[in-house]
């Protein structure tokens, strides 16, 4: 008898996707032997007021390019098609209803997101549906009753906002996969957002 599938969701704006995002996904996949990591770019986070520098379609395309050689990585445009704002618990509940009952579902978060989780919309409903994979520098996340969490140490310095800033000031951007650097140059993205 085969084990139930293990599927993890990794949400964010990915504006742009960078080596830090890919490292987080790899660490989570390896640590929990995930069958799939599904990148889930959001149209608009309720916690962020700034507009993404790249369009929805461009951010989706960048993720496809970045993960094209990673067999366990996938991307969904589900949240990009929903009217904003996006609430994680609603999205993951809709996904859950399409999977086998015995699937184990996970949500990949940074330690800062874990700490802010009580301010999210209906975190208790999210906790009913998923196990959390929390990536942070050191220590362990505060435990919460009825929340299943796995802590993975990670500390990649990459920052999407720093990448956008570098490009807008004509500084060679760090932390980008080569194919993404090429895509950004071809599209002229972020060069005039200063």
C-alpha atoms as a PDB file:
ATOM      1  CA  UNK A   1       0.000   0.000   0.000  1.00  0.00           C
ATOM      2  CA  UNK A   2       1.420   3.396  -0.975  1.00  0.00           C
ATOM      3  CA  UNK A   3       1.686   6.287   1.437  1.00  0.00           C
ATOM      4  CA  UNK A   4      -0.766   9.189   1.113  1.00  0.00           C
ATOM      5  CA  UNK A   5       0.456  11.996  -1.131  1.00  0.00           C
ATOM      6  CA  UNK A   6       2.154  14.927   0.591  1.00  0.00           C
ATOM      7  CA  UNK A   7       1.407  18.264  -1.041  1.00  0.00           C
ATOM      8  CA  UNK A   8       2.719  21.639   0.095  1.00  0.00           C
ATOM      9  CA  UNK A   9       1.589  25.108  -0.918  1.00  0.00           C
ATOM     10  CA  UNK A  10       4.010  28.007  -1.080  1.00  0.00           C
ATOM     11  CA  UNK A  11       2.235  31.333  -1.449  1.00  0.00           C
ATOM     12  CA  UNK A  12       3.546  34.806  -2.094  1.00  0.00           C
ATOM     13  CA  UNK A  13       3.831  37.598  -4.621  1.00  0.00           C
ATOM     14  CA  UNK A  14       7.101  36.210  -6.099  1.00  0.00           C
ATOM     15  CA  UNK A  15       7.874  39.662  -7.476  1.00  0.00           C
ATOM     16  CA  UNK A  16      10.300  38.333  -8.664  1.00  0.00           C
ATOM     17  CA  UNK A  17      10.904  34.708  -7.696  1.00  0.00           C
ATOM     18  CA  UNK A  18      14.510  34.313  -6.490  1.00  0.00           C
ATOM     19  CA  UNK A  19      17.041  31.792  -5.224  1.00  0.00           C
ATOM     20  CA  UNK A  20      15.784  32.182  -1.656  1.00  0.00           C
ATOM     21  CA  UNK A  21      12.306  31.014  -2.663  1.00  0.00           C
ATOM     22  CA  UNK A  22      13.769  28.013  -4.464  1.00  0.00           C
ATOM     23  CA  UNK A  23      15.971  27.117  -1.494  1.00  0.00           C
ATOM     24  CA  UNK A  24      13.004  27.248   0.883  1.00  0.00           C
ATOM     25  CA  UNK A  25      11.002  24.962  -1.412  1.00  0.00           C
ATOM     26  CA  UNK A  26      13.925  22.504  -1.709  1.00  0.00           C
ATOM     27  CA  UNK A  27      14.494  22.382   2.058  1.00  0.00           C
ATOM     28  CA  UNK A  28      10.806  21.769   2.719  1.00  0.00           C
ATOM     29  CA  UNK A  29      10.568  19.122  -0.008  1.00  0.00           C
ATOM     30  CA  UNK A  30      13.594  17.257   1.329  1.00  0.00           C
ATOM     31  CA  UNK A  31      12.749  17.525   5.038  1.00  0.00           C
ATOM     32  CA  UNK A  32       9.168  16.291   4.706  1.00  0.00           C
ATOM     33  CA  UNK A  33       9.569  14.132   1.594  1.00  0.00           C
ATOM     34  CA  UNK A  34       6.930  16.133  -0.228  1.00  0.00           C
ATOM     35  CA  UNK A  35       5.516  14.757  -3.462  1.00  0.00           C
ATOM     36  CA  UNK A  36       4.724  18.243  -4.741  1.00  0.00           C
ATOM     37  CA  UNK A  37       5.390  21.848  -3.823  1.00  0.00           C
ATOM     38  CA  UNK A  38       2.786  24.062  -5.464  1.00  0.00           C
ATOM     39  CA  UNK A  39       3.835  27.683  -5.893  1.00  0.00           C
ATOM     40  CA  UNK A  40       0.770  29.848  -5.429  1.00  0.00           C
ATOM     41  CA  UNK A  41       1.321  33.441  -6.572  1.00  0.00           C
ATOM     42  CA  UNK A  42      -1.302  35.765  -5.151  1.00  0.00           C
ATOM     43  CA  UNK A  43      -2.907  38.677  -6.894  1.00  0.00           C
ATOM     44  CA  UNK A  44      -3.115  40.820  -3.794  1.00  0.00           C
ATOM     45  CA  UNK A  45      -2.158  39.962  -0.257  1.00  0.00           C
ATOM     46  CA  UNK A  46      -4.464  41.485   2.374  1.00  0.00           C
ATOM     47  CA  UNK A  47      -1.290  42.226   4.384  1.00  0.00           C
ATOM     48  CA  UNK A  48       0.494  44.183   1.640  1.00  0.00           C
ATOM     49  CA  UNK A  49      -0.681  47.492   0.255  1.00  0.00           C
ATOM     50  CA  UNK A  50       1.922  47.936  -2.491  1.00  0.00           C
ATOM     51  CA  UNK A  51       1.142  46.818  -6.025  1.00  0.00           C
ATOM     52  CA  UNK A  52       3.416  44.156  -7.555  1.00  0.00           C
ATOM     53  CA  UNK A  53       6.053  45.530  -9.943  1.00  0.00           C
ATOM     54  CA  UNK A  54       5.390  42.806 -12.513  1.00  0.00           C
ATOM     55  CA  UNK A  55       1.989  41.833 -13.873  1.00  0.00           C
ATOM     56  CA  UNK A  56       0.212  38.687 -12.724  1.00  0.00           C
ATOM     57  CA  UNK A  57       1.068  36.994 -16.021  1.00  0.00           C
ATOM     58  CA  UNK A  58       4.744  37.989 -15.782  1.00  0.00           C
ATOM     59  CA  UNK A  59       5.070  36.714 -12.225  1.00  0.00           C
ATOM     60  CA  UNK A  60       3.395  33.447 -13.215  1.00  0.00           C
ATOM     61  CA  UNK A  61       5.717  33.098 -16.203  1.00  0.00           C
ATOM     62  CA  UNK A  62       8.797  33.732 -14.026  1.00  0.00           C
ATOM     63  CA  UNK A  63       7.787  30.939 -11.662  1.00  0.00           C
ATOM     64  CA  UNK A  64       7.256  28.546 -14.588  1.00  0.00           C
ATOM     65  CA  UNK A  65      10.722  29.397 -15.907  1.00  0.00           C
ATOM     66  CA  UNK A  66      12.382  29.054 -12.485  1.00  0.00           C
ATOM     67  CA  UNK A  67      10.882  25.625 -11.696  1.00  0.00           C
ATOM     68  CA  UNK A  68      10.826  24.055 -15.169  1.00  0.00           C
ATOM     69  CA  UNK A  69      13.586  21.545 -14.315  1.00  0.00           C
ATOM     70  CA  UNK A  70      12.328  20.671 -10.811  1.00  0.00           C
ATOM     71  CA  UNK A  71      10.072  17.606 -11.136  1.00  0.00           C
ATOM     72  CA  UNK A  72       8.274  18.058  -7.799  1.00  0.00           C
ATOM     73  CA  UNK A  73       7.615  21.811  -8.246  1.00  0.00           C
ATOM     74  CA  UNK A  74       4.398  23.083  -9.801  1.00  0.00           C
ATOM     75  CA  UNK A  75       2.608  26.407 -10.070  1.00  0.00           C
ATOM     76  CA  UNK A  76      -1.080  27.282  -9.865  1.00  0.00           C
ATOM     77  CA  UNK A  77      -2.727  30.465 -11.115  1.00  0.00           C
ATOM     78  CA  UNK A  78      -5.751  29.821  -8.887  1.00  0.00           C
ATOM     79  CA  UNK A  79      -5.361  32.956  -6.752  1.00  0.00           C
ATOM     80  CA  UNK A  80      -4.535  35.123  -9.747  1.00  0.00           C
ATOM     81  CA  UNK A  81      -7.967  34.317 -11.158  1.00  0.00           C
ATOM     82  CA  UNK A  82      -9.824  35.155  -7.937  1.00  0.00           C
ATOM     83  CA  UNK A  83     -10.985  38.687  -7.222  1.00  0.00           C
ATOM     84  CA  UNK A  84      -8.767  40.275  -4.557  1.00  0.00           C
ATOM     85  CA  UNK A  85      -8.063  40.110  -1.731  1.00  0.00           C
ATOM     86  CA  UNK A  86      -6.959  36.482  -1.363  1.00  0.00           C
ATOM     87  CA  UNK A  87      -7.439  34.619   1.897  1.00  0.00           C
ATOM     88  CA  UNK A  88      -5.244  31.583   2.307  1.00  0.00           C
ATOM     89  CA  UNK A  89      -7.767  29.543   4.264  1.00  0.00           C
ATOM     90  CA  UNK A  90     -10.374  29.878   1.474  1.00  0.00           C
ATOM     91  CA  UNK A  91      -7.911  28.969  -1.259  1.00  0.00           C
ATOM     92  CA  UNK A  92      -6.539  25.916   0.514  1.00  0.00           C
ATOM     93  CA  UNK A  93      -9.988  24.688   1.485  1.00  0.00           C
ATOM     94  CA  UNK A  94     -10.998  24.798  -2.185  1.00  0.00           C
ATOM     95  CA  UNK A  95      -7.883  22.843  -3.109  1.00  0.00           C
ATOM     96  CA  UNK A  96      -8.481  20.358  -0.296  1.00  0.00           C
ATOM     97  CA  UNK A  97     -11.903  19.546  -1.710  1.00  0.00           C
ATOM     98  CA  UNK A  98     -10.306  18.453  -5.002  1.00  0.00           C
ATOM     99  CA  UNK A  99      -7.731  16.058  -3.515  1.00  0.00           C
ATOM    100  CA  UNK A 100      -7.963  12.546  -2.157  1.00  0.00           C
ATOM    101  CA  UNK A 101      -9.177  12.402   1.438  1.00  0.00           C
ATOM    102  CA  UNK A 102      -5.931  10.846   2.620  1.00  0.00           C
ATOM    103  CA  UNK A 103      -3.670  13.606   1.219  1.00  0.00           C
ATOM    104  CA  UNK A 104      -1.464  15.382   3.732  1.00  0.00           C
ATOM    105  CA  UNK A 105      -1.507  19.097   2.994  1.00  0.00           C
ATOM    106  CA  UNK A 106       1.186  21.528   4.129  1.00  0.00           C
ATOM    107  CA  UNK A 107       1.668  25.275   3.968  1.00  0.00           C
ATOM    108  CA  UNK A 108       5.183  26.724   3.764  1.00  0.00           C
ATOM    109  CA  UNK A 109       5.666  29.888   5.809  1.00  0.00           C
ATOM    110  CA  UNK A 110       8.496  32.073   6.991  1.00  0.00           C
ATOM    111  CA  UNK A 111       8.897  32.530  10.737  1.00  0.00           C
ATOM    112  CA  UNK A 112       7.584  36.103  10.432  1.00  0.00           C
ATOM    113  CA  UNK A 113       4.407  34.808   8.767  1.00  0.00           C
ATOM    114  CA  UNK A 114       4.004  32.148  11.465  1.00  0.00           C
ATOM    115  CA  UNK A 115       4.273  34.846  14.127  1.00  0.00           C
ATOM    116  CA  UNK A 116       1.654  36.987  12.363  1.00  0.00           C
ATOM    117  CA  UNK A 117      -0.695  34.046  11.703  1.00  0.00           C
ATOM    118  CA  UNK A 118      -3.136  35.006  14.506  1.00  0.00           C
ATOM    119  CA  UNK A 119      -3.882  38.206  12.525  1.00  0.00           C
ATOM    120  CA  UNK A 120      -4.763  36.266   9.355  1.00  0.00           C
ATOM    121  CA  UNK A 121      -8.377  35.708   8.352  1.00  0.00           C
ATOM    122  CA  UNK A 122      -9.617  32.515  10.092  1.00  0.00           C
ATOM    123  CA  UNK A 123      -6.254  30.901  10.909  1.00  0.00           C
ATOM    124  CA  UNK A 124      -8.100  28.244  12.899  1.00  0.00           C
ATOM    125  CA  UNK A 125      -9.785  27.009   9.696  1.00  0.00           C
ATOM    126  CA  UNK A 126      -6.404  26.890   7.993  1.00  0.00           C
ATOM    127  CA  UNK A 127      -5.041  24.852  10.914  1.00  0.00           C
ATOM    128  CA  UNK A 128      -7.848  22.319  10.418  1.00  0.00           C
ATOM    129  CA  UNK A 129      -6.729  21.682   6.846  1.00  0.00           C
ATOM    130  CA  UNK A 130      -2.920  21.888   6.778  1.00  0.00           C
ATOM    131  CA  UNK A 131       0.299  21.234   8.614  1.00  0.00           C
ATOM    132  CA  UNK A 132       2.626  24.226   8.687  1.00  0.00           C
ATOM    133  CA  UNK A 133       6.236  24.112   7.513  1.00  0.00           C
ATOM    134  CA  UNK A 134       7.941  27.056   9.178  1.00  0.00           C
ATOM    135  CA  UNK A 135      11.289  28.240   7.820  1.00  0.00           C
ATOM    136  CA  UNK A 136      13.380  30.429  10.117  1.00  0.00           C
ATOM    137  CA  UNK A 137      16.859  31.371  11.228  1.00  0.00           C
ATOM    138  CA  UNK A 138      17.137  29.631  14.570  1.00  0.00           C
ATOM    139  CA  UNK A 139      15.094  28.429  17.483  1.00  0.00           C
ATOM    140  CA  UNK A 140      11.652  26.967  17.084  1.00  0.00           C
ATOM    141  CA  UNK A 141       8.373  28.656  16.339  1.00  0.00           C
ATOM    142  CA  UNK A 142       6.076  29.218  19.269  1.00  0.00           C
ATOM    143  CA  UNK A 143       3.806  26.215  19.494  1.00  0.00           C
ATOM    144  CA  UNK A 144       0.082  26.756  19.231  1.00  0.00           C
ATOM    145  CA  UNK A 145      -2.543  24.320  20.455  1.00  0.00           C
ATOM    146  CA  UNK A 146      -4.245  22.510  17.560  1.00  0.00           C
ATOM    147  CA  UNK A 147      -1.650  23.770  15.045  1.00  0.00           C
ATOM    148  CA  UNK A 148       0.659  21.136  13.558  1.00  0.00           C
ATOM    149  CA  UNK A 149       4.004  22.739  12.721  1.00  0.00           C
ATOM    150  CA  UNK A 150       7.389  21.526  11.468  1.00  0.00           C
ATOM    151  CA  UNK A 151      10.377  23.835  11.863  1.00  0.00           C
ATOM    152  CA  UNK A 152      13.180  23.953   9.280  1.00  0.00           C
ATOM    153  CA  UNK A 153      16.241  26.103   9.706  1.00  0.00           C
ATOM    154  CA  UNK A 154      16.929  28.437   6.826  1.00  0.00           C
ATOM    155  CA  UNK A 155      18.462  31.854   6.320  1.00  0.00           C
ATOM    156  CA  UNK A 156      18.832  32.861   2.683  1.00  0.00           C
ATOM    157  CA  UNK A 157      19.492  36.623   2.365  1.00  0.00           C
ATOM    158  CA  UNK A 158      17.470  37.078  -0.848  1.00  0.00           C
ATOM    159  CA  UNK A 159      14.850  39.815  -0.938  1.00  0.00           C
ATOM    160  CA  UNK A 160      12.481  40.580  -3.812  1.00  0.00           C
ATOM    161  CA  UNK A 161      12.284  44.250  -2.783  1.00  0.00           C
ATOM    162  CA  UNK A 162      16.091  44.508  -2.772  1.00  0.00           C
ATOM    163  CA  UNK A 163      16.233  42.891  -6.226  1.00  0.00           C
ATOM    164  CA  UNK A 164      13.693  45.418  -7.563  1.00  0.00           C
ATOM    165  CA  UNK A 165      15.646  48.253  -5.957  1.00  0.00           C
ATOM    166  CA  UNK A 166      18.930  47.022  -7.454  1.00  0.00           C
ATOM    167  CA  UNK A 167      17.436  46.805 -10.941  1.00  0.00           C
ATOM    168  CA  UNK A 168      15.794  50.235 -10.714  1.00  0.00           C
ATOM    169  CA  UNK A 169      19.157  51.776  -9.756  1.00  0.00           C
ATOM    170  CA  UNK A 170      21.013  49.866 -12.527  1.00  0.00           C
ATOM    171  CA  UNK A 171      22.872  47.708  -9.987  1.00  0.00           C
ATOM    172  CA  UNK A 172      23.374  44.088 -11.114  1.00  0.00           C
ATOM    173  CA  UNK A 173      20.746  42.125  -9.167  1.00  0.00           C
ATOM    174  CA  UNK A 174      21.796  39.331  -6.837  1.00  0.00           C
ATOM    175  CA  UNK A 175      19.968  36.141  -5.921  1.00  0.00           C
ATOM    176  CA  UNK A 176      18.323  35.554  -9.302  1.00  0.00           C
ATOM    177  CA  UNK A 177      18.434  32.358 -11.354  1.00  0.00           C
ATOM    178  CA  UNK A 178      20.159  33.096 -14.658  1.00  0.00           C
ATOM    179  CA  UNK A 179      16.988  32.415 -16.677  1.00  0.00           C
ATOM    180  CA  UNK A 180      15.048  34.913 -14.561  1.00  0.00           C
ATOM    181  CA  UNK A 181      17.770  37.546 -14.981  1.00  0.00           C
ATOM    182  CA  UNK A 182      17.489  37.045 -18.747  1.00  0.00           C
ATOM    183  CA  UNK A 183      13.670  37.263 -18.634  1.00  0.00           C
ATOM    184  CA  UNK A 184      13.758  40.497 -16.628  1.00  0.00           C
ATOM    185  CA  UNK A 185      16.259  42.042 -19.030  1.00  0.00           C
ATOM    186  CA  UNK A 186      14.178  41.050 -22.055  1.00  0.00           C
ATOM    187  CA  UNK A 187      11.004  42.493 -20.536  1.00  0.00           C
ATOM    188  CA  UNK A 188      12.663  45.566 -19.018  1.00  0.00           C
ATOM    189  CA  UNK A 189      10.958  44.795 -15.710  1.00  0.00           C
ATOM    190  CA  UNK A 190      11.626  46.873 -12.578  1.00  0.00           C
ATOM    191  CA  UNK A 191      13.954  49.275 -14.399  1.00  0.00           C
ATOM    192  CA  UNK A 192      11.688  52.276 -13.908  1.00  0.00           C
ATOM    193  CA  UNK A 193      10.096  51.752 -10.494  1.00  0.00           C
ATOM    194  CA  UNK A 194      12.398  53.971  -8.409  1.00  0.00           C
END
